[in-house]
Amino acid sequence: YADILEECQYKGIKYTDESFPPEKKSLIADWDDPAEDVQEKVEAWSEFEWIRATDIEELNDDEGQLAVFADAITPSDIKQGVLGDCYFLSVLSVLTEKSERIERLFALDQMNDQGIFSVRMYKNGVYQEVVIDNYIPCCDGAPCFSSANGNELWVIILEKAWAKMHGSYERVEAGLAHEVMRDLTGAPSYDVDVDEEGLLARLVEYDNK
């Protein structure tokens, strides 16, 4: 992100991410996909507009300022929007139990005039720095997808970075929580059978570590 930030500062411009632009293709990669579930989104999302976070009233505080983190990071911060990515949000909720795990995801979490954010992720366990701009998909002037219960941006930023890493918002609908845990932490993860013998004892053991 440092080179992008320096270039935008030198030119005196705000950053627009050309690899994940504020356009329809970042919402749905293929608007002509005949799949019924995709066409339902085509109809529902066709009126969405991209607005910079600085111009979204509900994201600014009483002094017109934005913040990635406004207060303590808690599970109750997370508010799902119209995107069906509860599996992703559930992992964010788990990570908030130790707030430093959320904070470590951000390579750049300071507000800047260029509208640049940088997130650390591990696609299939391989480290990636995901740089995004501050354009947010909106309907009626407010974020359409997930956001925080307040005027902080961390939920919106992480969801957008997750969507960028997969090519569009539509492509992150439905998924597996253990894969999100791996891709956000870089740590090995797996799912378990809830009927597995000795599972409760193992969970208690892990919780005590």
N, C-alpha and C. Protein backbone atom coordinates (compact mmCIF):
# COMPACT_ATOMS: atom_id res chain seq x y z
N TYR A 1 0.81 -1.21 0.00
CA TYR A 1 0.00 0.00 0.00
C TYR A 1 0.84 1.26 0.00
N ALA A 2 2.06 1.18 0.51
CA ALA A 2 2.88 2.37 0.70
C ALA A 2 3.13 3.09 -0.62
N ASP A 3 3.45 2.34 -1.67
CA ASP A 3 3.72 2.96 -2.97
C ASP A 3 2.47 3.64 -3.53
N ILE A 4 1.31 2.97 -3.36
CA ILE A 4 0.06 3.54 -3.85
C ILE A 4 -0.27 4.83 -3.09
N LEU A 5 -0.10 4.78 -1.79
CA LEU A 5 -0.38 5.95 -0.97
C LEU A 5 0.53 7.11 -1.34
N GLU A 6 1.80 6.82 -1.52
CA GLU A 6 2.76 7.88 -1.87
C GLU A 6 2.43 8.48 -3.23
N GLU A 7 2.07 7.64 -4.20
CA GLU A 7 1.74 8.15 -5.53
C GLU A 7 0.51 9.05 -5.49
N CYS A 8 -0.52 8.62 -4.76
CA CYS A 8 -1.74 9.43 -4.67
C CYS A 8 -1.48 10.75 -3.94
N GLN A 9 -0.64 10.70 -2.91
CA GLN A 9 -0.30 11.93 -2.19
C GLN A 9 0.46 12.89 -3.10
N TYR A 10 1.39 12.33 -3.90
CA TYR A 10 2.18 13.15 -4.81
C TYR A 10 1.29 13.82 -5.86
N LYS A 11 0.31 13.07 -6.38
CA LYS A 11 -0.57 13.59 -7.42
C LYS A 11 -1.73 14.39 -6.84
N GLY A 12 -1.94 14.29 -5.53
CA GLY A 12 -3.04 15.02 -4.90
C GLY A 12 -4.40 14.48 -5.28
N ILE A 13 -4.50 13.14 -5.41
CA ILE A 13 -5.76 12.51 -5.83
C ILE A 13 -6.22 11.47 -4.83
N LYS A 14 -7.49 11.11 -4.92
CA LYS A 14 -8.03 10.01 -4.14
C LYS A 14 -7.84 8.71 -4.92
N TYR A 15 -7.66 7.65 -4.19
CA TYR A 15 -7.38 6.36 -4.81
C TYR A 15 -8.66 5.70 -5.32
N THR A 16 -8.60 5.20 -6.54
CA THR A 16 -9.64 4.34 -7.10
C THR A 16 -8.98 3.03 -7.51
N ASP A 17 -9.45 1.94 -6.95
CA ASP A 17 -8.85 0.63 -7.17
C ASP A 17 -9.27 0.09 -8.54
N GLU A 18 -8.36 0.10 -9.50
CA GLU A 18 -8.69 -0.37 -10.85
C GLU A 18 -8.85 -1.88 -10.93
N SER A 19 -8.27 -2.61 -9.97
CA SER A 19 -8.40 -4.07 -9.99
C SER A 19 -9.69 -4.54 -9.32
N PHE A 20 -10.35 -3.66 -8.59
CA PHE A 20 -11.66 -3.95 -8.01
C PHE A 20 -12.44 -2.63 -8.02
N PRO A 21 -12.81 -2.20 -9.23
CA PRO A 21 -13.33 -0.84 -9.41
C PRO A 21 -14.76 -0.69 -8.87
N PRO A 22 -15.15 0.54 -8.62
CA PRO A 22 -16.52 0.80 -8.17
C PRO A 22 -17.49 0.70 -9.34
N GLU A 23 -17.62 -0.51 -9.87
CA GLU A 23 -18.45 -0.78 -11.02
C GLU A 23 -19.27 -2.05 -10.80
N LYS A 24 -20.20 -2.31 -11.69
CA LYS A 24 -21.11 -3.46 -11.56
C LYS A 24 -20.38 -4.78 -11.48
N LYS A 25 -19.25 -4.90 -12.20
CA LYS A 25 -18.54 -6.18 -12.24
C LYS A 25 -17.93 -6.55 -10.89
N SER A 26 -17.76 -5.58 -10.01
CA SER A 26 -17.26 -5.90 -8.67
C SER A 26 -18.38 -6.38 -7.75
N LEU A 27 -19.60 -6.08 -8.13
CA LEU A 27 -20.76 -6.63 -7.41
C LEU A 27 -21.02 -8.06 -7.88
N ILE A 28 -21.15 -8.23 -9.18
CA ILE A 28 -21.41 -9.53 -9.81
C ILE A 28 -20.47 -9.65 -10.99
N ALA A 29 -19.62 -10.67 -10.98
CA ALA A 29 -18.60 -10.79 -12.02
C ALA A 29 -19.21 -10.98 -13.40
N ASP A 30 -20.28 -11.76 -13.48
CA ASP A 30 -20.91 -12.04 -14.78
C ASP A 30 -22.41 -11.76 -14.68
N TRP A 31 -22.81 -10.59 -15.15
CA TRP A 31 -24.22 -10.21 -15.07
C TRP A 31 -25.09 -10.99 -16.04
N ASP A 32 -24.48 -11.69 -16.97
CA ASP A 32 -25.23 -12.50 -17.93
C ASP A 32 -25.30 -13.97 -17.53
N ASP A 33 -24.77 -14.30 -16.39
CA ASP A 33 -24.84 -15.68 -15.90
C ASP A 33 -26.31 -16.07 -15.76
N PRO A 34 -26.75 -17.13 -16.45
CA PRO A 34 -28.18 -17.48 -16.43
C PRO A 34 -28.65 -18.14 -15.14
N ALA A 35 -27.73 -18.46 -14.23
CA ALA A 35 -28.13 -19.11 -12.98
C ALA A 35 -29.20 -18.30 -12.26
N GLU A 36 -30.20 -18.97 -11.77
CA GLU A 36 -31.34 -18.29 -11.16
C GLU A 36 -30.93 -17.41 -9.99
N ASP A 37 -30.04 -17.92 -9.13
CA ASP A 37 -29.64 -17.13 -7.97
C ASP A 37 -28.87 -15.88 -8.37
N VAL A 38 -28.09 -15.97 -9.46
CA VAL A 38 -27.36 -14.80 -9.93
C VAL A 38 -28.32 -13.78 -10.52
N GLN A 39 -29.28 -14.25 -11.31
CA GLN A 39 -30.23 -13.32 -11.93
C GLN A 39 -31.13 -12.64 -10.90
N GLU A 40 -31.38 -13.31 -9.80
CA GLU A 40 -32.13 -12.67 -8.71
C GLU A 40 -31.34 -11.48 -8.16
N LYS A 41 -30.02 -11.66 -8.05
CA LYS A 41 -29.17 -10.56 -7.57
C LYS A 41 -29.05 -9.47 -8.63
N VAL A 42 -28.97 -9.85 -9.88
CA VAL A 42 -28.92 -8.85 -10.96
C VAL A 42 -30.10 -7.90 -10.84
N GLU A 43 -31.27 -8.47 -10.61
CA GLU A 43 -32.48 -7.64 -10.47
C GLU A 43 -32.43 -6.79 -9.21
N ALA A 44 -32.00 -7.40 -8.11
CA ALA A 44 -32.02 -6.70 -6.82
C ALA A 44 -30.90 -5.68 -6.68
N TRP A 45 -29.74 -5.95 -7.29
CA TRP A 45 -28.57 -5.11 -7.08
C TRP A 45 -28.34 -4.10 -8.19
N SER A 46 -29.17 -4.08 -9.19
CA SER A 46 -28.92 -3.22 -10.35
C SER A 46 -28.97 -1.73 -9.99
N GLU A 47 -29.64 -1.40 -8.91
CA GLU A 47 -29.76 0.01 -8.54
C GLU A 47 -28.72 0.44 -7.50
N PHE A 48 -27.87 -0.48 -7.07
CA PHE A 48 -26.84 -0.11 -6.10
C PHE A 48 -25.91 0.93 -6.71
N GLU A 49 -25.41 1.83 -5.89
CA GLU A 49 -24.44 2.82 -6.34
C GLU A 49 -23.22 2.80 -5.41
N TRP A 50 -22.09 3.17 -5.96
CA TRP A 50 -20.85 3.21 -5.20
C TRP A 50 -20.62 4.63 -4.68
N ILE A 51 -20.46 4.75 -3.38
CA ILE A 51 -20.26 6.06 -2.76
C ILE A 51 -19.02 5.98 -1.86
N ARG A 52 -18.20 7.01 -1.91
CA ARG A 52 -17.05 7.03 -1.01
C ARG A 52 -17.52 7.16 0.45
N ALA A 53 -16.80 6.48 1.33
CA ALA A 53 -17.19 6.48 2.75
C ALA A 53 -17.31 7.89 3.31
N THR A 54 -16.48 8.79 2.82
CA THR A 54 -16.52 10.17 3.30
C THR A 54 -17.85 10.85 3.00
N ASP A 55 -18.58 10.32 2.01
CA ASP A 55 -19.84 10.94 1.59
C ASP A 55 -21.07 10.18 2.08
N ILE A 56 -20.85 9.19 2.95
CA ILE A 56 -21.97 8.42 3.51
C ILE A 56 -22.23 8.94 4.91
N GLU A 57 -23.35 9.61 5.08
CA GLU A 57 -23.62 10.35 6.31
C GLU A 57 -23.56 9.46 7.56
N GLU A 58 -24.15 8.27 7.50
CA GLU A 58 -24.23 7.46 8.71
C GLU A 58 -22.88 6.89 9.15
N LEU A 59 -21.88 6.97 8.28
CA LEU A 59 -20.55 6.46 8.65
C LEU A 59 -19.68 7.53 9.28
N ASN A 60 -20.11 8.78 9.20
CA ASN A 60 -19.34 9.88 9.78
C ASN A 60 -19.87 10.24 11.15
N ASP A 61 -18.98 10.63 12.06
CA ASP A 61 -19.41 11.01 13.40
C ASP A 61 -19.99 12.42 13.39
N ASP A 62 -20.29 12.93 14.56
CA ASP A 62 -20.94 14.25 14.66
C ASP A 62 -20.06 15.37 14.11
N GLU A 63 -18.76 15.12 14.04
CA GLU A 63 -17.85 16.13 13.51
C GLU A 63 -17.47 15.85 12.06
N GLY A 64 -18.17 14.88 11.45
CA GLY A 64 -17.91 14.57 10.05
C GLY A 64 -16.64 13.78 9.83
N GLN A 65 -16.21 13.02 10.85
CA GLN A 65 -14.98 12.26 10.77
C GLN A 65 -15.26 10.76 10.67
N LEU A 66 -14.39 10.05 9.94
CA LEU A 66 -14.48 8.60 9.81
C LEU A 66 -13.45 7.94 10.72
N ALA A 67 -13.72 6.68 11.08
CA ALA A 67 -12.77 5.92 11.89
C ALA A 67 -12.90 4.45 11.54
N VAL A 68 -11.76 3.77 11.46
CA VAL A 68 -11.80 2.32 11.27
C VAL A 68 -12.32 1.66 12.53
N PHE A 69 -11.77 2.08 13.66
CA PHE A 69 -12.23 1.60 14.97
C PHE A 69 -12.64 2.80 15.80
N ALA A 70 -13.87 2.79 16.29
CA ALA A 70 -14.36 3.92 17.08
C ALA A 70 -14.31 3.62 18.57
N ASP A 71 -14.70 2.42 18.94
CA ASP A 71 -14.74 2.02 20.34
C ASP A 71 -14.15 0.62 20.44
N ALA A 72 -14.48 -0.07 21.52
CA ALA A 72 -14.02 -1.44 21.70
C ALA A 72 -14.56 -2.33 20.57
N ILE A 73 -13.77 -3.30 20.17
CA ILE A 73 -14.17 -4.24 19.12
C ILE A 73 -14.91 -5.40 19.77
N THR A 74 -16.18 -5.55 19.44
CA THR A 74 -17.00 -6.59 20.06
C THR A 74 -17.85 -7.30 19.00
N PRO A 75 -18.34 -8.52 19.31
CA PRO A 75 -19.21 -9.22 18.35
C PRO A 75 -20.45 -8.43 17.98
N SER A 76 -20.95 -7.62 18.91
CA SER A 76 -22.18 -6.87 18.64
C SER A 76 -21.96 -5.73 17.66
N ASP A 77 -20.69 -5.47 17.29
CA ASP A 77 -20.41 -4.45 16.28
C ASP A 77 -20.95 -4.85 14.91
N ILE A 78 -21.07 -6.15 14.66
CA ILE A 78 -21.27 -6.67 13.31
C ILE A 78 -22.75 -6.72 12.94
N LYS A 79 -23.08 -6.09 11.83
CA LYS A 79 -24.46 -6.06 11.34
C LYS A 79 -24.49 -6.53 9.89
N GLN A 80 -25.20 -7.63 9.63
CA GLN A 80 -25.25 -8.17 8.28
C GLN A 80 -26.18 -7.35 7.40
N GLY A 81 -25.79 -7.23 6.12
CA GLY A 81 -26.63 -6.55 5.15
C GLY A 81 -27.34 -7.54 4.26
N VAL A 82 -27.49 -7.21 2.99
CA VAL A 82 -28.25 -8.08 2.07
C VAL A 82 -27.39 -9.20 1.48
N LEU A 83 -26.09 -9.18 1.76
CA LEU A 83 -25.20 -10.21 1.24
C LEU A 83 -25.23 -11.44 2.16
N GLY A 84 -25.38 -12.62 1.56
CA GLY A 84 -25.49 -13.85 2.34
C GLY A 84 -24.13 -14.40 2.73
N ASP A 85 -23.40 -13.67 3.55
CA ASP A 85 -22.06 -14.11 3.96
C ASP A 85 -21.96 -14.26 5.48
N CYS A 86 -23.01 -14.82 6.09
CA CYS A 86 -23.00 -14.97 7.54
C CYS A 86 -21.86 -15.86 8.01
N TYR A 87 -21.44 -16.81 7.17
CA TYR A 87 -20.30 -17.67 7.52
C TYR A 87 -19.04 -16.83 7.75
N PHE A 88 -18.84 -15.79 6.92
CA PHE A 88 -17.70 -14.89 7.05
C PHE A 88 -17.84 -14.02 8.30
N LEU A 89 -19.03 -13.49 8.51
CA LEU A 89 -19.26 -12.63 9.66
C LEU A 89 -19.16 -13.39 10.97
N SER A 90 -19.52 -14.68 10.95
CA SER A 90 -19.41 -15.48 12.17
C SER A 90 -17.96 -15.62 12.59
N VAL A 91 -17.05 -15.73 11.61
CA VAL A 91 -15.63 -15.81 11.94
C VAL A 91 -15.13 -14.47 12.48
N LEU A 92 -15.57 -13.37 11.89
CA LEU A 92 -15.21 -12.06 12.44
C LEU A 92 -15.67 -11.96 13.89
N SER A 93 -16.87 -12.45 14.16
CA SER A 93 -17.39 -12.41 15.52
C SER A 93 -16.50 -13.20 16.48
N VAL A 94 -16.05 -14.37 16.04
CA VAL A 94 -15.15 -15.18 16.87
C VAL A 94 -13.85 -14.43 17.12
N LEU A 95 -13.29 -13.82 16.09
CA LEU A 95 -12.02 -13.12 16.23
C LEU A 95 -12.11 -11.91 17.15
N THR A 96 -13.29 -11.31 17.26
CA THR A 96 -13.43 -10.15 18.14
C THR A 96 -13.27 -10.52 19.61
N GLU A 97 -13.37 -11.80 19.93
CA GLU A 97 -13.18 -12.21 21.33
C GLU A 97 -11.78 -11.84 21.81
N LYS A 98 -10.84 -11.75 20.89
CA LYS A 98 -9.51 -11.21 21.18
C LYS A 98 -9.28 -10.11 20.14
N SER A 99 -9.60 -8.89 20.51
CA SER A 99 -9.68 -7.79 19.54
C SER A 99 -8.38 -7.56 18.78
N GLU A 100 -7.25 -7.94 19.37
CA GLU A 100 -5.99 -7.74 18.66
C GLU A 100 -5.93 -8.58 17.39
N ARG A 101 -6.70 -9.65 17.32
CA ARG A 101 -6.72 -10.47 16.11
C ARG A 101 -7.39 -9.73 14.96
N ILE A 102 -8.38 -8.92 15.27
CA ILE A 102 -8.99 -8.06 14.25
C ILE A 102 -8.02 -6.96 13.86
N GLU A 103 -7.40 -6.33 14.84
CA GLU A 103 -6.49 -5.23 14.57
C GLU A 103 -5.32 -5.68 13.70
N ARG A 104 -4.84 -6.91 13.92
CA ARG A 104 -3.69 -7.41 13.15
C ARG A 104 -4.02 -7.63 11.68
N LEU A 105 -5.30 -7.70 11.33
CA LEU A 105 -5.68 -7.87 9.94
C LEU A 105 -5.40 -6.62 9.11
N PHE A 106 -5.22 -5.50 9.77
CA PHE A 106 -5.06 -4.22 9.06
C PHE A 106 -3.59 -3.84 8.95
N ALA A 107 -3.10 -3.79 7.70
CA ALA A 107 -1.76 -3.26 7.45
C ALA A 107 -1.80 -1.73 7.46
N LEU A 108 -2.93 -1.17 7.08
CA LEU A 108 -3.13 0.28 7.11
C LEU A 108 -4.55 0.53 7.62
N ASP A 109 -4.65 1.03 8.84
CA ASP A 109 -5.97 1.29 9.41
C ASP A 109 -6.18 2.76 9.76
N GLN A 110 -5.22 3.60 9.36
CA GLN A 110 -5.35 5.03 9.63
C GLN A 110 -6.10 5.71 8.50
N MET A 111 -7.02 6.59 8.88
CA MET A 111 -7.74 7.33 7.87
C MET A 111 -6.77 8.24 7.11
N ASN A 112 -6.96 8.32 5.80
CA ASN A 112 -6.11 9.18 4.98
C ASN A 112 -6.96 9.83 3.90
N ASP A 113 -6.52 10.96 3.43
CA ASP A 113 -7.29 11.72 2.44
C ASP A 113 -7.41 10.98 1.10
N GLN A 114 -6.55 10.00 0.89
CA GLN A 114 -6.57 9.27 -0.38
C GLN A 114 -7.59 8.13 -0.39
N GLY A 115 -8.14 7.78 0.76
CA GLY A 115 -9.16 6.73 0.82
C GLY A 115 -8.61 5.34 0.59
N ILE A 116 -7.44 5.06 1.16
CA ILE A 116 -6.77 3.77 0.98
C ILE A 116 -6.81 2.96 2.27
N PHE A 117 -7.12 1.68 2.14
CA PHE A 117 -7.02 0.74 3.26
C PHE A 117 -6.25 -0.49 2.79
N SER A 118 -5.58 -1.13 3.72
CA SER A 118 -4.82 -2.34 3.38
C SER A 118 -5.08 -3.41 4.44
N VAL A 119 -5.39 -4.61 3.96
CA VAL A 119 -5.77 -5.71 4.83
C VAL A 119 -4.85 -6.90 4.59
N ARG A 120 -4.48 -7.57 5.67
CA ARG A 120 -3.67 -8.79 5.57
C ARG A 120 -4.58 -10.01 5.52
N MET A 121 -4.44 -10.81 4.48
CA MET A 121 -5.20 -12.06 4.36
C MET A 121 -4.28 -13.16 3.85
N TYR A 122 -4.76 -14.39 3.93
CA TYR A 122 -3.96 -15.55 3.57
C TYR A 122 -4.80 -16.47 2.68
N LYS A 123 -4.83 -16.18 1.39
CA LYS A 123 -5.63 -16.97 0.47
C LYS A 123 -5.09 -18.39 0.40
N ASN A 124 -5.91 -19.34 0.84
CA ASN A 124 -5.48 -20.74 0.92
C ASN A 124 -4.20 -20.88 1.72
N GLY A 125 -4.05 -20.01 2.72
CA GLY A 125 -2.88 -20.05 3.59
C GLY A 125 -1.70 -19.24 3.11
N VAL A 126 -1.78 -18.65 1.91
CA VAL A 126 -0.67 -17.88 1.34
C VAL A 126 -0.93 -16.38 1.58
N TYR A 127 0.04 -15.70 2.18
CA TYR A 127 -0.14 -14.30 2.55
C TYR A 127 -0.40 -13.41 1.35
N GLN A 128 -1.37 -12.50 1.51
CA GLN A 128 -1.65 -11.47 0.51
C GLN A 128 -1.94 -10.16 1.23
N GLU A 129 -1.47 -9.08 0.65
CA GLU A 129 -1.88 -7.75 1.10
C GLU A 129 -2.97 -7.28 0.16
N VAL A 130 -4.15 -7.05 0.68
CA VAL A 130 -5.29 -6.65 -0.14
C VAL A 130 -5.53 -5.16 0.07
N VAL A 131 -5.27 -4.38 -0.96
CA VAL A 131 -5.45 -2.92 -0.89
C VAL A 131 -6.77 -2.56 -1.55
N ILE A 132 -7.56 -1.75 -0.87
CA ILE A 132 -8.86 -1.33 -1.41
C ILE A 132 -9.02 0.17 -1.27
N ASP A 133 -9.96 0.71 -2.06
CA ASP A 133 -10.32 2.12 -1.91
C ASP A 133 -11.51 2.24 -0.97
N ASN A 134 -12.04 3.44 -0.83
CA ASN A 134 -13.12 3.65 0.13
C ASN A 134 -14.50 3.80 -0.52
N TYR A 135 -14.64 3.29 -1.73
CA TYR A 135 -15.97 3.23 -2.35
C TYR A 135 -16.75 2.07 -1.73
N ILE A 136 -18.01 2.34 -1.35
CA ILE A 136 -18.85 1.35 -0.69
C ILE A 136 -20.14 1.16 -1.49
N PRO A 137 -20.57 -0.08 -1.76
CA PRO A 137 -21.87 -0.29 -2.42
C PRO A 137 -23.01 0.18 -1.51
N CYS A 138 -23.86 1.02 -2.06
CA CYS A 138 -24.92 1.62 -1.25
C CYS A 138 -26.29 1.54 -1.93
N CYS A 139 -27.31 1.57 -1.11
CA CYS A 139 -28.68 1.76 -1.59
C CYS A 139 -29.33 2.79 -0.68
N ASP A 140 -29.99 3.75 -1.28
CA ASP A 140 -30.59 4.87 -0.54
C ASP A 140 -29.56 5.59 0.33
N GLY A 141 -28.33 5.66 -0.18
CA GLY A 141 -27.31 6.43 0.51
C GLY A 141 -26.65 5.76 1.69
N ALA A 142 -26.97 4.48 1.93
CA ALA A 142 -26.41 3.75 3.07
C ALA A 142 -25.82 2.43 2.59
N PRO A 143 -24.84 1.88 3.30
CA PRO A 143 -24.22 0.62 2.86
C PRO A 143 -25.25 -0.50 2.69
N CYS A 144 -25.15 -1.21 1.57
CA CYS A 144 -26.07 -2.32 1.30
C CYS A 144 -25.66 -3.60 2.02
N PHE A 145 -24.35 -3.78 2.13
CA PHE A 145 -23.85 -5.02 2.67
C PHE A 145 -23.52 -4.84 4.15
N SER A 146 -22.65 -5.65 4.68
CA SER A 146 -22.40 -5.63 6.13
C SER A 146 -21.75 -4.32 6.58
N SER A 147 -22.00 -3.98 7.81
CA SER A 147 -21.43 -2.77 8.39
C SER A 147 -21.36 -2.96 9.90
N ALA A 148 -20.93 -1.93 10.58
CA ALA A 148 -20.87 -1.98 12.04
C ALA A 148 -22.09 -1.31 12.63
N ASN A 149 -22.43 -1.70 13.85
CA ASN A 149 -23.50 -1.02 14.58
C ASN A 149 -22.94 0.25 15.18
N GLY A 150 -22.67 1.18 14.32
CA GLY A 150 -22.03 2.43 14.71
C GLY A 150 -21.35 3.00 13.49
N ASN A 151 -20.51 4.02 13.70
CA ASN A 151 -19.91 4.69 12.55
C ASN A 151 -18.45 4.31 12.36
N GLU A 152 -18.09 3.05 12.69
CA GLU A 152 -16.73 2.58 12.41
C GLU A 152 -16.75 1.71 11.16
N LEU A 153 -15.59 1.60 10.52
CA LEU A 153 -15.52 1.03 9.18
C LEU A 153 -14.96 -0.38 9.10
N TRP A 154 -14.49 -0.94 10.20
CA TRP A 154 -13.69 -2.16 10.09
C TRP A 154 -14.45 -3.33 9.45
N VAL A 155 -15.74 -3.46 9.75
CA VAL A 155 -16.52 -4.56 9.16
C VAL A 155 -16.65 -4.37 7.65
N ILE A 156 -16.98 -3.17 7.21
CA ILE A 156 -17.12 -2.87 5.79
C ILE A 156 -15.81 -3.13 5.05
N ILE A 157 -14.70 -2.70 5.63
CA ILE A 157 -13.40 -2.86 4.97
C ILE A 157 -13.04 -4.33 4.82
N LEU A 158 -13.21 -5.11 5.89
CA LEU A 158 -12.85 -6.53 5.82
C LEU A 158 -13.73 -7.28 4.82
N GLU A 159 -15.02 -6.96 4.80
CA GLU A 159 -15.91 -7.63 3.86
C GLU A 159 -15.53 -7.26 2.41
N LYS A 160 -15.19 -6.01 2.17
CA LYS A 160 -14.82 -5.61 0.82
C LYS A 160 -13.52 -6.27 0.40
N ALA A 161 -12.55 -6.35 1.31
CA ALA A 161 -11.29 -7.03 0.99
C ALA A 161 -11.52 -8.50 0.69
N TRP A 162 -12.42 -9.13 1.44
CA TRP A 162 -12.77 -10.55 1.21
C TRP A 162 -13.41 -10.71 -0.18
N ALA A 163 -14.31 -9.79 -0.53
CA ALA A 163 -14.95 -9.84 -1.85
C ALA A 163 -13.92 -9.63 -2.95
N LYS A 164 -13.01 -8.67 -2.77
CA LYS A 164 -11.99 -8.42 -3.79
C LYS A 164 -11.12 -9.66 -4.00
N MET A 165 -10.75 -10.33 -2.91
CA MET A 165 -9.88 -11.49 -3.03
C MET A 165 -10.55 -12.61 -3.83
N HIS A 166 -11.89 -12.60 -3.88
CA HIS A 166 -12.62 -13.64 -4.60
C HIS A 166 -13.22 -13.15 -5.92
N GLY A 167 -13.05 -11.89 -6.24
CA GLY A 167 -13.46 -11.41 -7.56
C GLY A 167 -14.73 -10.60 -7.61
N SER A 168 -15.62 -10.76 -6.62
CA SER A 168 -16.85 -9.97 -6.57
C SER A 168 -17.57 -10.26 -5.25
N TYR A 169 -18.54 -9.41 -4.93
CA TYR A 169 -19.34 -9.66 -3.73
C TYR A 169 -20.21 -10.90 -3.91
N GLU A 170 -20.74 -11.07 -5.09
CA GLU A 170 -21.63 -12.22 -5.33
C GLU A 170 -20.91 -13.54 -5.08
N ARG A 171 -19.62 -13.58 -5.36
CA ARG A 171 -18.87 -14.82 -5.24
C ARG A 171 -18.56 -15.21 -3.79
N VAL A 172 -18.83 -14.32 -2.84
CA VAL A 172 -18.58 -14.69 -1.44
C VAL A 172 -19.87 -15.00 -0.70
N GLU A 173 -20.95 -15.12 -1.44
CA GLU A 173 -22.18 -15.61 -0.81
C GLU A 173 -22.04 -17.10 -0.54
N ALA A 174 -22.31 -17.50 0.67
CA ALA A 174 -22.23 -18.89 1.13
C ALA A 174 -20.78 -19.37 1.12
N GLY A 175 -20.41 -20.05 2.16
CA GLY A 175 -19.04 -20.55 2.27
C GLY A 175 -18.86 -21.32 3.56
N LEU A 176 -17.63 -21.68 3.84
CA LEU A 176 -17.31 -22.50 5.01
C LEU A 176 -16.49 -21.68 6.00
N ALA A 177 -16.95 -21.66 7.23
CA ALA A 177 -16.33 -20.81 8.25
C ALA A 177 -14.87 -21.21 8.50
N HIS A 178 -14.56 -22.51 8.48
CA HIS A 178 -13.18 -22.90 8.79
C HIS A 178 -12.21 -22.42 7.71
N GLU A 179 -12.69 -22.27 6.47
CA GLU A 179 -11.83 -21.74 5.42
C GLU A 179 -11.58 -20.24 5.61
N VAL A 180 -12.59 -19.53 6.10
CA VAL A 180 -12.42 -18.11 6.41
C VAL A 180 -11.40 -17.94 7.54
N MET A 181 -11.52 -18.78 8.57
CA MET A 181 -10.58 -18.70 9.69
C MET A 181 -9.15 -18.89 9.20
N ARG A 182 -8.95 -19.85 8.31
CA ARG A 182 -7.61 -20.07 7.74
C ARG A 182 -7.14 -18.85 6.96
N ASP A 183 -8.03 -18.28 6.13
CA ASP A 183 -7.63 -17.19 5.25
C ASP A 183 -7.46 -15.87 5.98
N LEU A 184 -8.06 -15.72 7.15
CA LEU A 184 -7.90 -14.49 7.91
C LEU A 184 -6.74 -14.56 8.91
N THR A 185 -6.40 -15.75 9.35
CA THR A 185 -5.36 -15.87 10.37
C THR A 185 -4.08 -16.51 9.85
N GLY A 186 -4.16 -17.24 8.73
CA GLY A 186 -3.01 -17.96 8.25
C GLY A 186 -2.75 -19.25 9.00
N ALA A 187 -3.62 -19.57 9.96
CA ALA A 187 -3.44 -20.76 10.78
C ALA A 187 -4.23 -21.93 10.21
N PRO A 188 -3.76 -23.15 10.41
CA PRO A 188 -4.53 -24.31 9.95
C PRO A 188 -5.89 -24.36 10.63
N SER A 189 -6.89 -24.79 9.90
CA SER A 189 -8.23 -24.90 10.48
C SER A 189 -8.95 -26.06 9.82
N TYR A 190 -9.97 -26.55 10.50
CA TYR A 190 -10.74 -27.66 9.96
C TYR A 190 -12.11 -27.68 10.62
N ASP A 191 -13.04 -28.37 9.99
CA ASP A 191 -14.36 -28.50 10.60
C ASP A 191 -14.41 -29.82 11.35
N VAL A 192 -15.37 -29.92 12.26
CA VAL A 192 -15.50 -31.12 13.08
C VAL A 192 -16.94 -31.61 13.04
N ASP A 193 -17.09 -32.87 13.28
CA ASP A 193 -18.40 -33.48 13.38
C ASP A 193 -18.91 -33.27 14.80
N VAL A 194 -20.07 -32.63 14.93
CA VAL A 194 -20.58 -32.32 16.27
C VAL A 194 -20.90 -33.59 17.06
N ASP A 195 -21.01 -34.71 16.38
CA ASP A 195 -21.26 -35.98 17.08
C ASP A 195 -19.97 -36.72 17.40
N GLU A 196 -18.84 -36.10 17.11
CA GLU A 196 -17.55 -36.74 17.34
C GLU A 196 -17.35 -37.04 18.84
N GLU A 197 -16.90 -38.21 19.14
CA GLU A 197 -16.68 -38.61 20.53
C GLU A 197 -15.57 -37.77 21.15
N GLY A 198 -15.83 -37.27 22.35
CA GLY A 198 -14.83 -36.47 23.05
C GLY A 198 -14.72 -35.03 22.58
N LEU A 199 -15.64 -34.59 21.75
CA LEU A 199 -15.56 -33.24 21.20
C LEU A 199 -15.62 -32.17 22.28
N LEU A 200 -16.54 -32.31 23.23
CA LEU A 200 -16.69 -31.30 24.27
C LEU A 200 -15.40 -31.14 25.06
N ALA A 201 -14.78 -32.25 25.40
CA ALA A 201 -13.54 -32.17 26.16
C ALA A 201 -12.46 -31.46 25.36
N ARG A 202 -12.40 -31.71 24.05
CA ARG A 202 -11.42 -31.06 23.21
C ARG A 202 -11.67 -29.56 23.13
N LEU A 203 -12.93 -29.17 23.01
CA LEU A 203 -13.27 -27.75 22.94
C LEU A 203 -12.89 -27.03 24.21
N VAL A 204 -13.15 -27.66 25.35
CA VAL A 204 -12.77 -27.06 26.63
C VAL A 204 -11.25 -26.92 26.71
N GLU A 205 -10.55 -27.95 26.24
CA GLU A 205 -9.09 -27.89 26.24
C GLU A 205 -8.58 -26.74 25.38
N TYR A 206 -9.14 -26.60 24.18
CA TYR A 206 -8.71 -25.51 23.29
C TYR A 206 -9.03 -24.16 23.88
N ASP A 207 -10.20 -24.05 24.53
CA ASP A 207 -10.61 -22.77 25.10
C ASP A 207 -9.69 -22.34 26.25
N ASN A 208 -9.08 -23.30 26.90
CA ASN A 208 -8.22 -22.99 28.03
C ASN A 208 -6.78 -22.65 27.62
N LYS A 209 -6.48 -22.84 26.33
CA LYS A 209 -5.12 -22.56 25.86
C LYS A 209 -4.90 -21.07 25.68
